[in-house]
C-alpha cells in the first residue's frame, strides 16, 4: 500500500467481486 488512499484509483473491478482484494490485489503486486 505505497500509494495514498486519496489518489484516484482505477475502477474497482476486483473489489466488487472480492472485498479482500484491497489487502491482496493480484493486479497490484506493490500492495
PDB file of N, CA and C in Angstrom:
ATOM      1  N   UNK A   1       0.849  -1.213   0.000  1.00  0.00           N
ATOM      2  CA  UNK A   1       0.000   0.000   0.000  1.00  0.00           C
ATOM      3  C   UNK A   1       0.876   1.252   0.000  1.00  0.00           C
ATOM      4  N   UNK A   2       1.702   1.378  -0.996  1.00  0.00           N
ATOM      5  CA  UNK A   2       2.601   2.534  -1.080  1.00  0.00           C
ATOM      6  C   UNK A   2       1.836   3.758  -1.568  1.00  0.00           C
ATOM      7  N   UNK A   3       0.841   3.532  -2.404  1.00  0.00           N
ATOM      8  CA  UNK A   3       0.067   4.647  -2.949  1.00  0.00           C
ATOM      9  C   UNK A   3      -0.955   5.123  -1.920  1.00  0.00           C
ATOM     10  N   UNK A   4      -1.044   6.438  -1.731  1.00  0.00           N
ATOM     11  CA  UNK A   4      -2.010   7.036  -0.798  1.00  0.00           C
ATOM     12  C   UNK A   4      -3.442   6.665  -1.176  1.00  0.00           C
ATOM     13  N   UNK A   5      -4.339   6.707  -0.205  1.00  0.00           N
ATOM     14  CA  UNK A   5      -5.730   6.327  -0.478  1.00  0.00           C
ATOM     15  C   UNK A   5      -6.495   7.471  -1.123  1.00  0.00           C
ATOM     16  N   UNK A   6      -5.871   8.640  -1.172  1.00  0.00           N
ATOM     17  CA  UNK A   6      -6.573   9.794  -1.725  1.00  0.00           C
ATOM     18  C   UNK A   6      -6.387   9.894  -3.237  1.00  0.00           C
ATOM     19  N   UNK A   7      -5.466   9.099  -3.779  1.00  0.00           N
ATOM     20  CA  UNK A   7      -5.263   9.153  -5.232  1.00  0.00           C
ATOM     21  C   UNK A   7      -6.380   8.399  -5.956  1.00  0.00           C
ATOM     22  N   UNK A   8      -6.811   8.919  -7.102  1.00  0.00           N
ATOM     23  CA  UNK A   8      -7.875   8.297  -7.895  1.00  0.00           C
ATOM     24  C   UNK A   8      -7.468   6.929  -8.413  1.00  0.00           C
ATOM     25  N   UNK A   9      -8.130   5.908  -7.936  1.00  0.00           N
ATOM     26  CA  UNK A   9      -7.804   4.542  -8.378  1.00  0.00           C
ATOM     27  C   UNK A   9      -8.669   4.136  -9.569  1.00  0.00           C
ATOM     28  N   UNK A  10      -8.207   3.167 -10.351  1.00  0.00           N
ATOM     29  CA  UNK A  10      -8.977   2.631 -11.468  1.00  0.00           C
ATOM     30  C   UNK A  10     -10.250   1.963 -10.953  1.00  0.00           C
ATOM     31  N   UNK A  11     -11.227   1.708 -11.828  1.00  0.00           N
ATOM     32  CA  UNK A  11     -12.495   1.087 -11.435  1.00  0.00           C
ATOM     33  C   UNK A  11     -12.267  -0.197 -10.635  1.00  0.00           C
ATOM     34  N   UNK A  12     -12.851  -0.272  -9.444  1.00  0.00           N
ATOM     35  CA  UNK A  12     -12.691  -1.438  -8.569  1.00  0.00           C
ATOM     36  C   UNK A  12     -13.405  -2.669  -9.100  1.00  0.00           C
ATOM     37  N   UNK A  13     -12.844  -3.264 -10.144  1.00  0.00           N
ATOM     38  CA  UNK A  13     -13.482  -4.448 -10.734  1.00  0.00           C
ATOM     39  C   UNK A  13     -13.274  -5.661  -9.836  1.00  0.00           C
ATOM     40  N   UNK A  14     -12.070  -5.763  -9.269  1.00  0.00           N
ATOM     41  CA  UNK A  14     -11.781  -6.901  -8.397  1.00  0.00           C
ATOM     42  C   UNK A  14     -12.367  -6.661  -7.005  1.00  0.00           C
ATOM     43  N   UNK A  15     -12.466  -5.378  -6.643  1.00  0.00           N
ATOM     44  CA  UNK A  15     -13.006  -5.026  -5.326  1.00  0.00           C
ATOM     45  C   UNK A  15     -14.490  -5.380  -5.239  1.00  0.00           C
ATOM     46  N   UNK A  16     -15.155  -5.298  -6.389  1.00  0.00           N
ATOM     47  CA  UNK A  16     -16.585  -5.598  -6.408  1.00  0.00           C
ATOM     48  C   UNK A  16     -16.801  -7.088  -6.168  1.00  0.00           C
ATOM     49  N   UNK A  17     -15.883  -7.890  -6.688  1.00  0.00           N
ATOM     50  CA  UNK A  17     -16.009  -9.340  -6.546  1.00  0.00           C
ATOM     51  C   UNK A  17     -15.400  -9.791  -5.218  1.00  0.00           C
ATOM     52  N   UNK A  18     -14.230  -9.202  -4.888  1.00  0.00           N
ATOM     53  CA  UNK A  18     -13.582  -9.585  -3.631  1.00  0.00           C
ATOM     54  C   UNK A  18     -13.280  -8.355  -2.785  1.00  0.00           C
ATOM     55  N   UNK A  19     -13.967  -8.206  -1.653  1.00  0.00           N
ATOM     56  CA  UNK A  19     -13.746  -7.092  -0.738  1.00  0.00           C
ATOM     57  C   UNK A  19     -12.352  -7.175  -0.093  1.00  0.00           C
ATOM     58  N   UNK A  20     -11.726  -8.354  -0.152  1.00  0.00           N
ATOM     59  CA  UNK A  20     -10.416  -8.543   0.463  1.00  0.00           C
ATOM     60  C   UNK A  20      -9.308  -8.238  -0.534  1.00  0.00           C
ATOM     61  N   UNK A  21      -9.694  -7.847  -1.756  1.00  0.00           N
ATOM     62  CA  UNK A  21      -8.695  -7.581  -2.791  1.00  0.00           C
ATOM     63  C   UNK A  21      -7.862  -6.358  -2.425  1.00  0.00           C
ATOM     64  N   UNK A  22      -8.409  -5.529  -1.532  1.00  0.00           N
ATOM     65  CA  UNK A  22      -7.677  -4.335  -1.098  1.00  0.00           C
ATOM     66  C   UNK A  22      -6.419  -4.742  -0.337  1.00  0.00           C
ATOM     67  N   UNK A  23      -6.491  -5.918   0.294  1.00  0.00           N
ATOM     68  CA  UNK A  23      -5.333  -6.414   1.036  1.00  0.00           C
ATOM     69  C   UNK A  23      -4.398  -7.186   0.098  1.00  0.00           C
ATOM     70  N   UNK A  24      -4.991  -8.103  -0.678  1.00  0.00           N
ATOM     71  CA  UNK A  24      -4.192  -8.876  -1.635  1.00  0.00           C
ATOM     72  C   UNK A  24      -4.747  -8.672  -3.042  1.00  0.00           C
ATOM     73  N   UNK A  25      -4.183  -7.704  -3.748  1.00  0.00           N
ATOM     74  CA  UNK A  25      -4.659  -7.404  -5.088  1.00  0.00           C
ATOM     75  C   UNK A  25      -3.728  -8.013  -6.128  1.00  0.00           C
ATOM     76  N   UNK A  26      -4.199  -9.038  -6.844  1.00  0.00           N
ATOM     77  CA  UNK A  26      -3.387  -9.732  -7.855  1.00  0.00           C
ATOM     78  C   UNK A  26      -2.952  -8.784  -8.973  1.00  0.00           C
ATOM     79  N   UNK A  27      -3.721  -7.700  -9.152  1.00  0.00           N
ATOM     80  CA  UNK A  27      -3.407  -6.741 -10.213  1.00  0.00           C
ATOM     81  C   UNK A  27      -2.349  -5.747  -9.739  1.00  0.00           C
ATOM     82  N   UNK A  28      -2.198  -5.663  -8.424  1.00  0.00           N
ATOM     83  CA  UNK A  28      -1.220  -4.717  -7.876  1.00  0.00           C
ATOM     84  C   UNK A  28      -0.279  -5.429  -6.898  1.00  0.00           C
ATOM     85  N   UNK A  29       0.823  -5.944  -7.405  1.00  0.00           N
ATOM     86  CA  UNK A  29       1.795  -6.671  -6.586  1.00  0.00           C
ATOM     87  C   UNK A  29       2.509  -5.753  -5.598  1.00  0.00           C
ATOM     88  N   UNK A  30       2.368  -4.458  -5.784  1.00  0.00           N
ATOM     89  CA  UNK A  30       3.049  -3.495  -4.907  1.00  0.00           C
ATOM     90  C   UNK A  30       2.368  -3.441  -3.544  1.00  0.00           C
ATOM     91  N   UNK A  31       1.122  -3.898  -3.509  1.00  0.00           N
ATOM     92  CA  UNK A  31       0.385  -3.867  -2.236  1.00  0.00           C
ATOM     93  C   UNK A  31       0.687  -5.133  -1.423  1.00  0.00           C
TER      94      UNK A  31
END
